[in-house]
């Protein structure tokens, strides 16, 4: 993903300055994920469809033990 992407934090980032979370950036075909505490480090990029499946699994009540 290019350096000019727009990174955003979750609204569930917690109190304070909200830096204990991950950030995501959406592209046309891929989604970037990075550590908000180390934005200069490498970002993980995955296909957009895979990210959608990942989020749906997190929302599912059966995905949590």
PDB file of N, CA and C in Angstrom:
ATOM      1  N   UNK A   1       0.854  -1.177   0.000  1.00  0.00           N
ATOM      2  CA  UNK A   1       0.000   0.000   0.000  1.00  0.00           C
ATOM      3  C   UNK A   1       0.896   1.236   0.000  1.00  0.00           C
ATOM      4  N   UNK A   2       0.453   2.239  -0.635  1.00  0.00           N
ATOM      5  CA  UNK A   2       1.237   3.474  -0.764  1.00  0.00           C
ATOM      6  C   UNK A   2       1.306   4.222   0.563  1.00  0.00           C
ATOM      7  N   UNK A   3       2.325   5.081   0.687  1.00  0.00           N
ATOM      8  CA  UNK A   3       2.479   5.877   1.907  1.00  0.00           C
ATOM      9  C   UNK A   3       1.377   6.910   2.070  1.00  0.00           C
ATOM     10  N   UNK A   4       0.661   7.218   1.013  1.00  0.00           N
ATOM     11  CA  UNK A   4      -0.360   8.274   1.079  1.00  0.00           C
ATOM     12  C   UNK A   4      -1.737   7.765   1.478  1.00  0.00           C
ATOM     13  N   UNK A   5      -1.814   6.555   1.977  1.00  0.00           N
ATOM     14  CA  UNK A   5      -3.115   6.032   2.376  1.00  0.00           C
ATOM     15  C   UNK A   5      -3.560   6.710   3.669  1.00  0.00           C
ATOM     16  N   UNK A   6      -4.840   6.668   3.911  1.00  0.00           N
ATOM     17  CA  UNK A   6      -5.398   7.300   5.108  1.00  0.00           C
ATOM     18  C   UNK A   6      -5.626   6.231   6.173  1.00  0.00           C
ATOM     19  N   UNK A   7      -4.837   6.304   7.232  1.00  0.00           N
ATOM     20  CA  UNK A   7      -4.942   5.354   8.331  1.00  0.00           C
ATOM     21  C   UNK A   7      -5.972   5.854   9.334  1.00  0.00           C
ATOM     22  N   UNK A   8      -6.736   4.934   9.920  1.00  0.00           N
ATOM     23  CA  UNK A   8      -7.713   5.330  10.937  1.00  0.00           C
ATOM     24  C   UNK A   8      -7.719   4.309  12.076  1.00  0.00           C
ATOM     25  N   UNK A   9      -8.031   4.810  13.254  1.00  0.00           N
ATOM     26  CA  UNK A   9      -8.085   3.984  14.450  1.00  0.00           C
ATOM     27  C   UNK A   9      -9.529   3.614  14.747  1.00  0.00           C
ATOM     28  N   UNK A  10      -9.687   2.527  15.429  1.00  0.00           N
ATOM     29  CA  UNK A  10     -11.002   2.081  15.841  1.00  0.00           C
ATOM     30  C   UNK A  10     -11.583   3.023  16.889  1.00  0.00           C
ATOM     31  N   UNK A  11     -12.892   3.114  16.929  1.00  0.00           N
ATOM     32  CA  UNK A  11     -13.551   3.888  17.982  1.00  0.00           C
ATOM     33  C   UNK A  11     -13.439   3.155  19.320  1.00  0.00           C
ATOM     34  N   UNK A  12     -12.973   1.919  19.300  1.00  0.00           N
ATOM     35  CA  UNK A  12     -12.781   1.126  20.517  1.00  0.00           C
ATOM     36  C   UNK A  12     -11.326   1.171  20.983  1.00  0.00           C
ATOM     37  N   UNK A  13     -10.608   2.214  20.657  1.00  0.00           N
ATOM     38  CA  UNK A  13      -9.183   2.316  20.973  1.00  0.00           C
ATOM     39  C   UNK A  13      -8.890   2.475  22.451  1.00  0.00           C
ATOM     40  N   UNK A  14      -9.859   2.805  23.227  1.00  0.00           N
ATOM     41  CA  UNK A  14      -9.626   2.971  24.660  1.00  0.00           C
ATOM     42  C   UNK A  14      -9.418   4.424  25.022  1.00  0.00           C
ATOM     43  N   UNK A  15      -9.158   4.655  26.286  1.00  0.00           N
ATOM     44  CA  UNK A  15      -9.003   6.016  26.794  1.00  0.00           C
ATOM     45  C   UNK A  15      -7.660   6.622  26.465  1.00  0.00           C
ATOM     46  N   UNK A  16      -7.413   7.775  27.022  1.00  0.00           N
ATOM     47  CA  UNK A  16      -6.149   8.473  26.794  1.00  0.00           C
ATOM     48  C   UNK A  16      -6.016   8.917  25.349  1.00  0.00           C
ATOM     49  N   UNK A  17      -4.809   8.761  24.821  1.00  0.00           N
ATOM     50  CA  UNK A  17      -4.598   9.196  23.440  1.00  0.00           C
ATOM     51  C   UNK A  17      -4.956   8.112  22.430  1.00  0.00           C
ATOM     52  N   UNK A  18      -5.449   6.960  22.911  1.00  0.00           N
ATOM     53  CA  UNK A  18      -5.928   5.918  22.014  1.00  0.00           C
ATOM     54  C   UNK A  18      -4.849   5.273  21.174  1.00  0.00           C
ATOM     55  N   UNK A  19      -3.633   5.156  21.715  1.00  0.00           N
ATOM     56  CA  UNK A  19      -2.560   4.611  20.899  1.00  0.00           C
ATOM     57  C   UNK A  19      -2.311   3.130  21.143  1.00  0.00           C
ATOM     58  N   UNK A  20      -3.132   2.475  21.931  1.00  0.00           N
ATOM     59  CA  UNK A  20      -2.962   1.049  22.199  1.00  0.00           C
ATOM     60  C   UNK A  20      -3.912   0.247  21.314  1.00  0.00           C
ATOM     61  N   UNK A  21      -3.747   0.377  20.024  1.00  0.00           N
ATOM     62  CA  UNK A  21      -4.650  -0.303  19.105  1.00  0.00           C
ATOM     63  C   UNK A  21      -3.964  -0.517  17.768  1.00  0.00           C
ATOM     64  N   UNK A  22      -4.714  -1.033  16.855  1.00  0.00           N
ATOM     65  CA  UNK A  22      -4.228  -1.130  15.493  1.00  0.00           C
ATOM     66  C   UNK A  22      -4.935  -0.072  14.656  1.00  0.00           C
ATOM     67  N   UNK A  23      -4.338   0.248  13.527  1.00  0.00           N
ATOM     68  CA  UNK A  23      -4.939   1.167  12.573  1.00  0.00           C
ATOM     69  C   UNK A  23      -5.159   0.412  11.274  1.00  0.00           C
ATOM     70  N   UNK A  24      -6.171   0.802  10.528  1.00  0.00           N
ATOM     71  CA  UNK A  24      -6.441   0.181   9.237  1.00  0.00           C
ATOM     72  C   UNK A  24      -6.510   1.256   8.154  1.00  0.00           C
ATOM     73  N   UNK A  25      -6.176   0.849   6.967  1.00  0.00           N
ATOM     74  CA  UNK A  25      -6.281   1.710   5.787  1.00  0.00           C
ATOM     75  C   UNK A  25      -6.892   0.873   4.674  1.00  0.00           C
ATOM     76  N   UNK A  26      -7.946   1.388   4.085  1.00  0.00           N
ATOM     77  CA  UNK A  26      -8.636   0.656   3.023  1.00  0.00           C
ATOM     78  C   UNK A  26      -8.169   1.097   1.654  1.00  0.00           C
ATOM     79  N   UNK A  27      -7.901   0.118   0.817  1.00  0.00           N
ATOM     80  CA  UNK A  27      -7.583   0.365  -0.578  1.00  0.00           C
ATOM     81  C   UNK A  27      -8.658  -0.282  -1.439  1.00  0.00           C
ATOM     82  N   UNK A  28      -8.497  -0.181  -2.739  1.00  0.00           N
ATOM     83  CA  UNK A  28      -9.493  -0.790  -3.626  1.00  0.00           C
ATOM     84  C   UNK A  28      -9.551  -2.298  -3.479  1.00  0.00           C
ATOM     85  N   UNK A  29      -8.391  -2.932  -3.380  1.00  0.00           N
ATOM     86  CA  UNK A  29      -8.363  -4.389  -3.341  1.00  0.00           C
ATOM     87  C   UNK A  29      -7.718  -4.962  -2.092  1.00  0.00           C
ATOM     88  N   UNK A  30      -7.073  -4.125  -1.301  1.00  0.00           N
ATOM     89  CA  UNK A  30      -6.358  -4.600  -0.115  1.00  0.00           C
ATOM     90  C   UNK A  30      -6.631  -3.697   1.080  1.00  0.00           C
ATOM     91  N   UNK A  31      -6.444  -4.254   2.268  1.00  0.00           N
ATOM     92  CA  UNK A  31      -6.589  -3.509   3.512  1.00  0.00           C
ATOM     93  C   UNK A  31      -5.258  -3.588   4.249  1.00  0.00           C
ATOM     94  N   UNK A  32      -4.782  -2.452   4.728  1.00  0.00           N
ATOM     95  CA  UNK A  32      -3.547  -2.408   5.499  1.00  0.00           C
ATOM     96  C   UNK A  32      -3.856  -2.369   6.977  1.00  0.00           C
ATOM     97  N   UNK A  33      -3.016  -3.038   7.757  1.00  0.00           N
ATOM     98  CA  UNK A  33      -3.162  -3.080   9.207  1.00  0.00           C
ATOM     99  C   UNK A  33      -1.789  -2.785   9.796  1.00  0.00           C
ATOM    100  N   UNK A  34      -1.733  -1.859  10.767  1.00  0.00           N
ATOM    101  CA  UNK A  34      -0.452  -1.551  11.407  1.00  0.00           C
ATOM    102  C   UNK A  34      -0.657  -1.264  12.885  1.00  0.00           C
ATOM    103  N   UNK A  35       0.430  -1.330  13.623  1.00  0.00           N
ATOM    104  CA  UNK A  35       0.440  -1.040  15.055  1.00  0.00           C
ATOM    105  C   UNK A  35       0.470   0.469  15.237  1.00  0.00           C
ATOM    106  N   UNK A  36      -0.485   1.005  15.968  1.00  0.00           N
ATOM    107  CA  UNK A  36      -0.543   2.455  16.153  1.00  0.00           C
ATOM    108  C   UNK A  36       0.629   2.988  16.968  1.00  0.00           C
ATOM    109  N   UNK A  37       1.261   2.118  17.763  1.00  0.00           N
ATOM    110  CA  UNK A  37       2.414   2.555  18.564  1.00  0.00           C
ATOM    111  C   UNK A  37       3.693   2.600  17.735  1.00  0.00           C
ATOM    112  N   UNK A  38       3.690   1.965  16.567  1.00  0.00           N
ATOM    113  CA  UNK A  38       4.889   1.926  15.710  1.00  0.00           C
ATOM    114  C   UNK A  38       4.491   2.104  14.252  1.00  0.00           C
ATOM    115  N   UNK A  39       3.919   3.262  13.905  1.00  0.00           N
ATOM    116  CA  UNK A  39       3.413   3.452  12.545  1.00  0.00           C
ATOM    117  C   UNK A  39       4.491   3.435  11.465  1.00  0.00           C
ATOM    118  N   UNK A  40       5.738   3.626  11.836  1.00  0.00           N
ATOM    119  CA  UNK A  40       6.810   3.604  10.851  1.00  0.00           C
ATOM    120  C   UNK A  40       7.263   2.211  10.464  1.00  0.00           C
ATOM    121  N   UNK A  41       6.841   1.231  11.217  1.00  0.00           N
ATOM    122  CA  UNK A  41       7.199  -0.152  10.899  1.00  0.00           C
ATOM    123  C   UNK A  41       6.318  -0.678   9.780  1.00  0.00           C
ATOM    124  N   UNK A  42       6.636  -1.859   9.356  1.00  0.00           N
ATOM    125  CA  UNK A  42       5.901  -2.481   8.250  1.00  0.00           C
ATOM    126  C   UNK A  42       4.428  -2.690   8.602  1.00  0.00           C
ATOM    127  N   UNK A  43       3.595  -2.607   7.594  1.00  0.00           N
ATOM    128  CA  UNK A  43       2.171  -2.867   7.747  1.00  0.00           C
ATOM    129  C   UNK A  43       1.844  -4.211   7.102  1.00  0.00           C
ATOM    130  N   UNK A  44       0.873  -4.872   7.665  1.00  0.00           N
ATOM    131  CA  UNK A  44       0.355  -6.107   7.101  1.00  0.00           C
ATOM    132  C   UNK A  44      -0.725  -5.728   6.099  1.00  0.00           C
ATOM    133  N   UNK A  45      -0.686  -6.281   4.901  1.00  0.00           N
ATOM    134  CA  UNK A  45      -1.754  -6.026   3.936  1.00  0.00           C
ATOM    135  C   UNK A  45      -2.393  -7.351   3.557  1.00  0.00           C
ATOM    136  N   UNK A  46      -3.709  -7.345   3.491  1.00  0.00           N
ATOM    137  CA  UNK A  46      -4.454  -8.543   3.128  1.00  0.00           C
ATOM    138  C   UNK A  46      -5.523  -8.171   2.105  1.00  0.00           C
ATOM    139  N   UNK A  47      -5.994  -9.154   1.318  1.00  0.00           N
ATOM    140  CA  UNK A  47      -7.072  -8.863   0.380  1.00  0.00           C
ATOM    141  C   UNK A  47      -8.307  -8.341   1.116  1.00  0.00           C
ATOM    142  N   UNK A  48      -8.992  -7.400   0.504  1.00  0.00           N
ATOM    143  CA  UNK A  48     -10.175  -6.797   1.131  1.00  0.00           C
ATOM    144  C   UNK A  48     -11.222  -7.846   1.489  1.00  0.00           C
ATOM    145  N   UNK A  49     -11.426  -8.820   0.623  1.00  0.00           N
ATOM    146  CA  UNK A  49     -12.419  -9.866   0.904  1.00  0.00           C
ATOM    147  C   UNK A  49     -12.033 -10.666   2.143  1.00  0.00           C
ATOM    148  N   UNK A  50     -10.759 -10.936   2.328  1.00  0.00           N
ATOM    149  CA  UNK A  50     -10.293 -11.663   3.505  1.00  0.00           C
ATOM    150  C   UNK A  50     -10.494 -10.863   4.779  1.00  0.00           C
ATOM    151  N   UNK A  51     -10.318  -9.557   4.695  1.00  0.00           N
ATOM    152  CA  UNK A  51     -10.519  -8.697   5.863  1.00  0.00           C
ATOM    153  C   UNK A  51     -11.995  -8.694   6.262  1.00  0.00           C
ATOM    154  N   UNK A  52     -12.868  -8.692   5.286  1.00  0.00           N
ATOM    155  CA  UNK A  52     -14.306  -8.738   5.559  1.00  0.00           C
ATOM    156  C   UNK A  52     -14.667 -10.029   6.285  1.00  0.00           C
ATOM    157  N   UNK A  53     -14.137 -11.140   5.829  1.00  0.00           N
ATOM    158  CA  UNK A  53     -14.394 -12.433   6.480  1.00  0.00           C
ATOM    159  C   UNK A  53     -13.853 -12.409   7.913  1.00  0.00           C
ATOM    160  N   UNK A  54     -12.669 -11.852   8.109  1.00  0.00           N
ATOM    161  CA  UNK A  54     -12.065 -11.734   9.432  1.00  0.00           C
ATOM    162  C   UNK A  54     -12.965 -10.930  10.378  1.00  0.00           C
ATOM    163  N   UNK A  55     -13.457  -9.785   9.929  1.00  0.00           N
ATOM    164  CA  UNK A  55     -14.325  -8.954  10.771  1.00  0.00           C
ATOM    165  C   UNK A  55     -15.626  -9.658  11.108  1.00  0.00           C
ATOM    166  N   UNK A  56     -16.205 -10.346  10.136  1.00  0.00           N
ATOM    167  CA  UNK A  56     -17.456 -11.067  10.392  1.00  0.00           C
ATOM    168  C   UNK A  56     -17.238 -12.171  11.423  1.00  0.00           C
ATOM    169  N   UNK A  57     -16.086 -12.830  11.379  1.00  0.00           N
ATOM    170  CA  UNK A  57     -15.782 -13.873  12.359  1.00  0.00           C
ATOM    171  C   UNK A  57     -15.651 -13.272  13.756  1.00  0.00           C
ATOM    172  N   UNK A  58     -15.067 -12.092  13.855  1.00  0.00           N
ATOM    173  CA  UNK A  58     -14.935 -11.431  15.157  1.00  0.00           C
ATOM    174  C   UNK A  58     -16.305 -11.049  15.732  1.00  0.00           C
ATOM    175  N   UNK A  59     -17.222 -10.688  14.872  1.00  0.00           N
ATOM    176  CA  UNK A  59     -18.564 -10.277  15.319  1.00  0.00           C
ATOM    177  C   UNK A  59     -19.416 -11.453  15.733  1.00  0.00           C
ATOM    178  N   UNK A  60     -19.083 -12.647  15.255  1.00  0.00           N
ATOM    179  CA  UNK A  60     -19.882 -13.828  15.513  1.00  0.00           C
ATOM    180  C   UNK A  60     -19.761 -14.253  16.971  1.00  0.00           C
ATOM    181  N   UNK A  61     -20.892 -14.506  17.659  1.00  0.00           N
ATOM    182  CA  UNK A  61     -20.817 -14.915  19.060  1.00  0.00           C
ATOM    183  C   UNK A  61     -20.123 -16.268  19.220  1.00  0.00           C
ATOM    184  N   UNK A  62     -20.085 -17.084  18.195  1.00  0.00           N
ATOM    185  CA  UNK A  62     -19.446 -18.390  18.306  1.00  0.00           C
ATOM    186  C   UNK A  62     -17.943 -18.314  18.111  1.00  0.00           C
ATOM    187  N   UNK A  63     -17.415 -17.148  17.711  1.00  0.00           N
ATOM    188  CA  UNK A  63     -15.972 -17.013  17.497  1.00  0.00           C
ATOM    189  C   UNK A  63     -15.213 -16.809  18.794  1.00  0.00           C
ATOM    190  N   UNK A  64     -15.901 -16.476  19.860  1.00  0.00           N
ATOM    191  CA  UNK A  64     -15.251 -16.228  21.140  1.00  0.00           C
ATOM    192  C   UNK A  64     -15.439 -17.454  22.039  1.00  0.00           C
ATOM    193  N   UNK A  65     -14.385 -17.822  22.772  1.00  0.00           N
ATOM    194  CA  UNK A  65     -14.503 -18.997  23.675  1.00  0.00           C
ATOM    195  C   UNK A  65     -15.423 -18.720  24.841  1.00  0.00           C
TER     196      UNK A  65
END
